[in-house]
Protein backbone atom coordinates (compact mmCIF):
# COMPACT_ATOMS: atom_id res chain seq x y z
CA GLN A 1 -37.99 15.69 7.59
CA PRO A 2 -40.77 15.92 10.22
CA VAL A 3 -42.15 19.27 10.28
CA GLN A 4 -42.55 21.07 13.96
CA CYS A 5 -45.85 22.88 14.08
CA ARG A 6 -47.48 25.03 16.92
CA MET A 7 -50.58 23.28 17.94
CA TYR A 8 -53.41 24.82 20.26
CA GLY A 9 -55.39 22.82 22.81
CA SER A 10 -59.26 23.30 23.02
CA LYS A 11 -60.68 25.55 25.67
CA LYS A 12 -61.63 23.85 29.00
CA LYS A 13 -65.26 23.06 29.45
CA GLY A 14 -66.93 25.69 31.68
CA GLY A 15 -64.32 28.28 31.19
CA SER A 16 -64.22 31.44 29.15
CA LYS A 17 -61.44 33.82 28.28
CA LYS A 18 -62.31 37.60 28.83
CA GLY A 19 -60.99 40.55 27.08
CA SER A 20 -60.54 41.77 23.54
CA LYS A 21 -59.96 39.11 20.66
CA LYS A 22 -56.41 40.26 20.41
CA GLN A 23 -55.72 39.62 24.05
CA VAL A 24 -57.20 35.95 23.69
CA GLU A 25 -54.93 35.58 20.52
CA GLU A 26 -52.07 36.69 22.39
CA GLU A 27 -52.54 34.36 25.56
CA GLU A 28 -53.18 31.44 23.17
CA GLU A 29 -49.93 32.13 21.28
CA GLU A 30 -48.11 32.00 24.72
CA GLY A 31 -49.49 28.98 25.83
CA ALA A 32 -48.86 27.16 22.41
CA GLU A 33 -46.60 24.17 22.42
CA PRO A 34 -44.86 23.07 19.42
CA TYR A 35 -45.66 19.72 18.29
CA GLU A 36 -43.10 17.62 15.83
CA MET A 37 -45.47 16.06 13.24
CA THR A 38 -44.99 12.16 12.62
CA LEU A 39 -45.77 12.76 8.92
CA ASP A 40 -42.54 13.04 6.87
CA MET A 41 -43.16 14.21 3.23
CA ASP A 42 -39.41 13.41 2.38
CA LYS A 43 -39.55 9.84 3.82
CA MET A 44 -42.85 9.06 2.00
CA GLU A 45 -41.23 10.26 -1.32
CA GLU A 46 -38.17 8.51 -0.81
CA GLN A 47 -39.95 5.16 -0.03
CA MET A 48 -42.00 5.67 -3.42
CA GLN A 49 -38.97 6.37 -5.45
CA HIS A 50 -37.36 3.08 -3.98
CA SER A 51 -40.60 1.31 -5.36
CA ILE A 52 -40.13 2.99 -8.83
CA ASP A 53 -36.33 2.25 -8.99
CA ARG A 54 -37.10 -1.42 -8.21
CA PHE A 55 -39.70 -1.73 -10.80
CA SER A 56 -37.37 -0.12 -13.34
CA SER A 57 -34.62 -2.65 -12.44
CA GLU A 58 -37.08 -5.54 -12.81
CA LEU A 59 -38.21 -4.13 -16.24
CA GLN A 60 -34.21 -3.94 -17.41
CA SER A 61 -33.93 -7.55 -16.47
CA LEU A 62 -36.54 -8.73 -18.99
CA ARG A 63 -35.32 -9.97 -22.42
CA ALA A 64 -37.20 -7.91 -24.93
CA GLY A 65 -35.23 -8.70 -28.06
CA ARG A 66 -32.63 -6.03 -27.64
CA ALA A 67 -29.19 -6.69 -26.07
CA ASN A 68 -29.24 -5.12 -22.56
CA PRO A 69 -26.61 -5.98 -20.06
CA ALA A 70 -28.99 -5.50 -17.10
CA MET A 71 -30.71 -8.66 -18.03
CA LEU A 72 -27.59 -10.50 -16.71
CA ASP A 73 -26.43 -8.17 -13.96
CA HIS A 74 -27.83 -10.11 -11.07
CA MET A 75 -27.42 -13.71 -12.51
CA ARG A 76 -25.99 -16.07 -10.06
CA VAL A 77 -22.86 -17.85 -11.22
CA GLN A 78 -22.27 -21.33 -9.64
CA LEU A 79 -18.33 -21.46 -8.63
CA LYS A 80 -16.42 -24.21 -6.85
CA GLY A 81 -16.33 -22.20 -3.77
CA GLY A 82 -19.93 -20.91 -3.77
CA SER A 83 -21.70 -18.40 -6.20
CA ALA A 84 -21.51 -14.92 -7.21
CA THR A 85 -23.56 -12.41 -9.23
CA LEU A 86 -22.20 -12.19 -12.91
CA SER A 87 -21.37 -8.33 -12.58
CA GLU A 88 -19.08 -9.26 -9.63
CA LEU A 89 -17.26 -11.59 -12.02
CA ALA A 90 -17.07 -9.93 -15.48
CA MET A 91 -17.61 -7.01 -17.27
CA ILE A 92 -20.85 -7.20 -19.45
CA ALA A 93 -21.26 -4.88 -22.53
CA ILE A 94 -23.43 -4.53 -25.75
CA LYS A 95 -21.54 -5.86 -28.70
CA ASP A 96 -24.39 -5.03 -31.04
CA ALA A 97 -28.11 -4.57 -31.13
CA HIS A 98 -28.57 -8.26 -30.62
CA ASN A 99 -25.45 -9.31 -28.83
CA LEU A 100 -24.08 -8.91 -25.55
CA ILE A 101 -20.38 -9.72 -24.61
CA VAL A 102 -19.24 -11.08 -21.28
CA VAL A 103 -15.57 -10.85 -20.29
CA PRO A 104 -14.58 -12.47 -17.10
CA ASN A 105 -12.05 -10.98 -14.78
CA SER A 106 -10.32 -14.55 -14.49
CA GLU A 107 -10.00 -17.01 -17.34
CA GLU A 108 -10.69 -19.77 -14.83
CA ASP A 109 -14.48 -18.69 -14.52
CA VAL A 110 -15.12 -18.68 -18.44
CA LYS A 111 -16.72 -21.87 -18.49
CA ALA A 112 -18.96 -21.61 -15.15
CA ILE A 113 -20.19 -18.45 -16.70
CA ASP A 114 -20.99 -20.02 -19.81
CA THR A 115 -22.91 -22.77 -18.19
CA SER A 116 -24.77 -20.50 -15.97
CA ILE A 117 -25.90 -18.37 -18.63
CA ARG A 118 -27.22 -21.28 -20.44
CA ASN A 119 -28.94 -22.72 -17.26
CA ALA A 120 -30.73 -19.38 -16.17
CA GLY A 121 -33.88 -20.02 -17.87
CA LEU A 122 -33.46 -17.08 -19.99
CA GLY A 123 -33.68 -18.94 -23.39
CA LEU A 124 -29.82 -17.85 -24.13
CA ASN A 125 -27.39 -19.84 -25.93
CA PRO A 126 -23.94 -18.29 -25.26
CA ARG A 127 -20.54 -19.12 -27.24
CA ILE A 128 -16.96 -18.78 -25.92
CA GLU A 129 -14.76 -16.65 -28.08
CA LYS A 130 -11.46 -16.86 -26.94
CA ASN A 131 -11.52 -15.29 -23.33
CA ALA A 132 -14.89 -13.90 -23.82
CA ILE A 133 -18.29 -15.02 -23.94
CA VAL A 134 -20.77 -13.81 -26.74
CA VAL A 135 -24.39 -13.87 -25.88
CA PRO A 136 -26.89 -13.72 -28.69
CA VAL A 137 -30.34 -12.27 -27.71
CA PRO A 138 -32.88 -13.79 -30.03
CA LYS A 139 -36.19 -11.75 -30.86
CA PRO A 140 -38.91 -12.94 -28.74
CA THR A 141 -41.70 -14.90 -30.32
CA LYS A 142 -45.35 -14.16 -30.13
CA GLU A 143 -46.06 -16.42 -27.12
CA SER A 144 -43.17 -14.97 -25.29
CA ARG A 145 -44.13 -11.49 -25.90
CA ALA A 146 -47.51 -12.36 -24.48
CA LYS A 147 -46.14 -13.78 -21.34
CA MET A 148 -43.83 -11.00 -20.93
CA ALA A 149 -46.73 -8.54 -21.41
CA LYS A 150 -48.46 -10.25 -18.65
CA GLU A 151 -45.41 -10.32 -16.38
CA ILE A 152 -44.98 -6.61 -16.93
CA SER A 153 -48.61 -5.80 -16.01
CA GLY A 154 -48.10 -7.74 -12.91
CA LEU A 155 -44.96 -5.92 -11.99
CA ALA A 156 -46.73 -2.47 -12.49
CA GLU A 157 -49.67 -3.39 -10.46
CA SER A 158 -47.47 -4.47 -7.57
CA THR A 159 -45.58 -1.24 -7.75
CA ARG A 160 -48.73 0.68 -7.69
CA VAL A 161 -49.82 -1.31 -4.69
CA HIS A 162 -46.52 -0.23 -2.85
CA VAL A 163 -46.79 3.42 -3.89
CA ARG A 164 -50.45 3.65 -2.47
CA LYS A 165 -49.67 1.82 0.68
CA HIS A 166 -46.87 4.48 1.34
CA ARG A 167 -49.72 7.11 0.78
CA GLN A 168 -51.85 5.00 3.25
CA ASP A 169 -49.06 5.02 5.73
CA ALA A 170 -48.81 8.87 5.41
CA MET A 171 -52.20 9.65 5.94
CA LYS A 172 -52.44 7.36 9.01
CA LYS A 173 -49.63 9.72 10.30
CA LEU A 174 -51.21 12.76 9.37
CA LYS A 175 -54.61 11.59 10.74
CA ASN A 176 -52.73 11.03 14.09
CA ASP A 177 -51.25 14.43 13.72
CA SER A 178 -54.42 16.12 13.16
CA LYS A 179 -55.47 15.05 16.69
CA HIS A 180 -53.47 17.84 18.18
CA SER A 181 -56.10 20.43 17.11
CA MET A 182 -54.73 21.00 13.48
CA PRO A 183 -56.90 23.69 11.66
CA LYS A 184 -59.07 21.81 9.10
CA ASP A 185 -57.62 23.78 6.31
CA GLU A 186 -54.34 22.85 7.16
CA LEU A 187 -55.39 19.07 7.16
CA LYS A 188 -56.93 19.46 4.02
CA ARG A 189 -53.55 21.07 2.81
CA TRP A 190 -51.48 18.09 3.67
CA GLU A 191 -54.04 15.65 2.38
CA LYS A 192 -53.74 17.42 -1.12
CA ASP A 193 -49.98 17.36 -0.88
CA ILE A 194 -49.76 13.60 -0.16
CA GLN A 195 -52.18 12.91 -3.07
CA THR A 196 -50.26 15.08 -5.31
CA VAL A 197 -47.12 13.36 -4.67
CA THR A 198 -48.97 9.85 -5.04
CA ASP A 199 -50.20 10.81 -8.48
CA LYS A 200 -46.77 11.90 -9.65
CA TYR A 201 -45.38 8.35 -8.79
CA ILE A 202 -48.21 6.54 -10.17
CA ALA A 203 -47.64 8.25 -13.32
CA ARG A 204 -44.32 7.25 -13.38
CA VAL A 205 -45.46 3.70 -13.07
CA GLU A 206 -47.49 4.11 -16.07
CA ASP A 207 -44.56 5.77 -18.12
CA LEU A 208 -42.15 2.93 -17.47
CA LEU A 209 -45.09 0.28 -18.32
CA LYS A 210 -45.94 2.29 -21.62
CA ALA A 211 -42.19 2.25 -22.57
CA LYS A 212 -41.54 -1.46 -21.82
CA THR A 213 -44.75 -2.39 -23.43
CA ARG A 214 -43.60 -0.62 -26.76
CA GLU A 215 -40.26 -2.17 -26.57
CA ILE A 216 -41.52 -5.93 -26.64
CA GLU A 217 -44.11 -5.14 -29.34
């Protein structure tokens, strides 16, 4: 949430305050006006976490040779009356390490789901078994692993850019806040806090990248 701080205006030119140091401080305290900072650390973290969540979701949708329901969650299924995501039309589960099983909510959608999975560009060849669809997930080839590694690297860099953009936006707000006579040591503290949070989320990008890279090797 925005932080409310008490900022002090600078002394007017040509004027001076007489009296003891204590009196001056008391007079300044009485004349100080609260200022609500535009910098919102909670909001910045929320935005960075959103970038991480999106990156994680994108990684889960990539086929890495292991059966993972997330790879089909957002796939669109073409129906007579329009289209819908597969997760809206069926239950997707792991049958075993290399097979998914899709159980449609309605038997009428079985063929449409089967066709959509085949045409999704994922290199999958499902087969219909009674009222369910079994989806074998083949191991990736050397070429597909190289292509996937490049795609993962690109997604990671895009996420880093988003995280750093949120940092940049926060720094701009802090710079604006600092114009309200913010003490230098307090400014430095805020800058350090922003960088610490940024480093934390960049580290999460690296952890997800390393984990997915190991998964496809």
